[in-house]
Amino acid sequence: MAKLRIKWIKSAIGYSADQRMTLKALGFHRLYQEIEKEDTPSILGMIDKVKHLVSTEEVNDGTA
């Protein structure tokens, strides 16, 4: 399964509480932090909710 590298690039100050909670649910602790997650429908839904606050790229995991 593909992996996604997600980077938090914009502050959540001024945005709704559910968007801030979505960032926490993704695993972010601080601005400009990068995390890697599996490419699943639930993760894609969370990314879509905060797409204006994060950047994403697909990571090649090196398997066939």
C-alpha atoms as a PDB file:
ATOM      1  CA  MET A   1       0.000   0.000   0.000  1.00  0.00           C
ATOM      2  CA  ALA A   2       1.228   3.496  -0.806  1.00  0.00           C
ATOM      3  CA  LYS A   3       2.383   5.911   1.848  1.00  0.00           C
ATOM      4  CA  LEU A   4       1.812   9.645   2.018  1.00  0.00           C
ATOM      5  CA  ARG A   5       4.195  12.222   3.449  1.00  0.00           C
ATOM      6  CA  ILE A   6       2.131  14.996   5.005  1.00  0.00           C
ATOM      7  CA  LYS A   7       3.615  18.312   6.143  1.00  0.00           C
ATOM      8  CA  TRP A   8       1.783  20.854   8.301  1.00  0.00           C
ATOM      9  CA  ILE A   9       2.522  24.168   6.537  1.00  0.00           C
ATOM     10  CA  LYS A  10       0.003  26.695   7.882  1.00  0.00           C
ATOM     11  CA  SER A  11      -1.109  27.554  11.409  1.00  0.00           C
ATOM     12  CA  ALA A  12      -4.548  26.438  12.539  1.00  0.00           C
ATOM     13  CA  ILE A  13      -5.151  29.659  14.487  1.00  0.00           C
ATOM     14  CA  GLY A  14      -8.445  31.151  13.380  1.00  0.00           C
ATOM     15  CA  TYR A  15      -9.820  27.895  12.001  1.00  0.00           C
ATOM     16  CA  SER A  16     -12.570  25.792  13.540  1.00  0.00           C
ATOM     17  CA  ALA A  17     -11.943  23.425  16.432  1.00  0.00           C
ATOM     18  CA  ASP A  18     -12.770  20.356  14.359  1.00  0.00           C
ATOM     19  CA  GLN A  19      -9.969  21.255  11.910  1.00  0.00           C
ATOM     20  CA  ARG A  20      -7.512  21.640  14.801  1.00  0.00           C
ATOM     21  CA  MET A  21      -8.647  18.276  16.175  1.00  0.00           C
ATOM     22  CA  THR A  22      -8.174  16.709  12.737  1.00  0.00           C
ATOM     23  CA  LEU A  23      -4.538  17.855  12.735  1.00  0.00           C
ATOM     24  CA  LYS A  24      -4.088  16.249  16.160  1.00  0.00           C
ATOM     25  CA  ALA A  25      -5.802  13.057  14.963  1.00  0.00           C
ATOM     26  CA  LEU A  26      -3.369  12.872  12.057  1.00  0.00           C
ATOM     27  CA  GLY A  27      -0.548  12.963  14.610  1.00  0.00           C
ATOM     28  CA  PHE A  28       0.782  16.507  14.304  1.00  0.00           C
ATOM     29  CA  HIS A  29       2.294  18.250  17.324  1.00  0.00           C
ATOM     30  CA  ARG A  30       3.936  21.324  15.821  1.00  0.00           C
ATOM     31  CA  LEU A  31       3.979  23.465  12.698  1.00  0.00           C
ATOM     32  CA  TYR A  32       6.270  22.290   9.837  1.00  0.00           C
ATOM     33  CA  GLN A  33       6.295  18.762  11.198  1.00  0.00           C
ATOM     34  CA  GLU A  34       6.291  15.940   8.624  1.00  0.00           C
ATOM     35  CA  ILE A  35       4.617  12.586   9.152  1.00  0.00           C
ATOM     36  CA  GLU A  36       4.074   9.505   7.006  1.00  0.00           C
ATOM     37  CA  LYS A  37       0.730   7.713   6.910  1.00  0.00           C
ATOM     38  CA  GLU A  38      -0.739   4.859   4.898  1.00  0.00           C
ATOM     39  CA  ASP A  39      -2.904   5.877   1.936  1.00  0.00           C
ATOM     40  CA  THR A  40      -6.301   4.820   3.315  1.00  0.00           C
ATOM     41  CA  PRO A  41      -9.765   6.326   2.738  1.00  0.00           C
ATOM     42  CA  SER A  42      -9.974   7.586   6.336  1.00  0.00           C
ATOM     43  CA  ILE A  43      -6.595   9.348   6.141  1.00  0.00           C
ATOM     44  CA  LEU A  44      -7.501  10.849   2.752  1.00  0.00           C
ATOM     45  CA  GLY A  45     -10.744  12.170   4.264  1.00  0.00           C
ATOM     46  CA  MET A  46      -8.863  13.824   7.121  1.00  0.00           C
ATOM     47  CA  ILE A  47      -6.360  15.343   4.684  1.00  0.00           C
ATOM     48  CA  ASP A  48      -9.228  16.678   2.567  1.00  0.00           C
ATOM     49  CA  LYS A  49     -10.682  18.409   5.634  1.00  0.00           C
ATOM     50  CA  VAL A  50      -7.425  20.317   6.296  1.00  0.00           C
ATOM     51  CA  LYS A  51      -5.995  20.472   2.754  1.00  0.00           C
ATOM     52  CA  HIS A  52      -5.499  24.245   3.078  1.00  0.00           C
ATOM     53  CA  LEU A  53      -3.217  23.683   6.108  1.00  0.00           C
ATOM     54  CA  VAL A  54      -1.069  20.774   4.888  1.00  0.00           C
ATOM     55  CA  SER A  55       0.906  19.645   1.853  1.00  0.00           C
ATOM     56  CA  THR A  56       1.090  16.036   0.735  1.00  0.00           C
ATOM     57  CA  GLU A  57       3.236  13.897  -1.498  1.00  0.00           C
ATOM     58  CA  GLU A  58       3.288  10.216  -2.283  1.00  0.00           C
ATOM     59  CA  VAL A  59       6.283   8.272  -0.969  1.00  0.00           C
ATOM     60  CA  ASN A  60       7.795   5.395  -2.901  1.00  0.00           C
ATOM     61  CA  ASP A  61       8.261   2.659  -0.284  1.00  0.00           C
ATOM     62  CA  GLY A  62      10.702   0.719  -2.469  1.00  0.00           C
ATOM     63  CA  THR A  63       8.638  -2.457  -2.841  1.00  0.00           C
ATOM     64  CA  ALA A  64       7.721  -3.904  -6.211  1.00  0.00           C
END
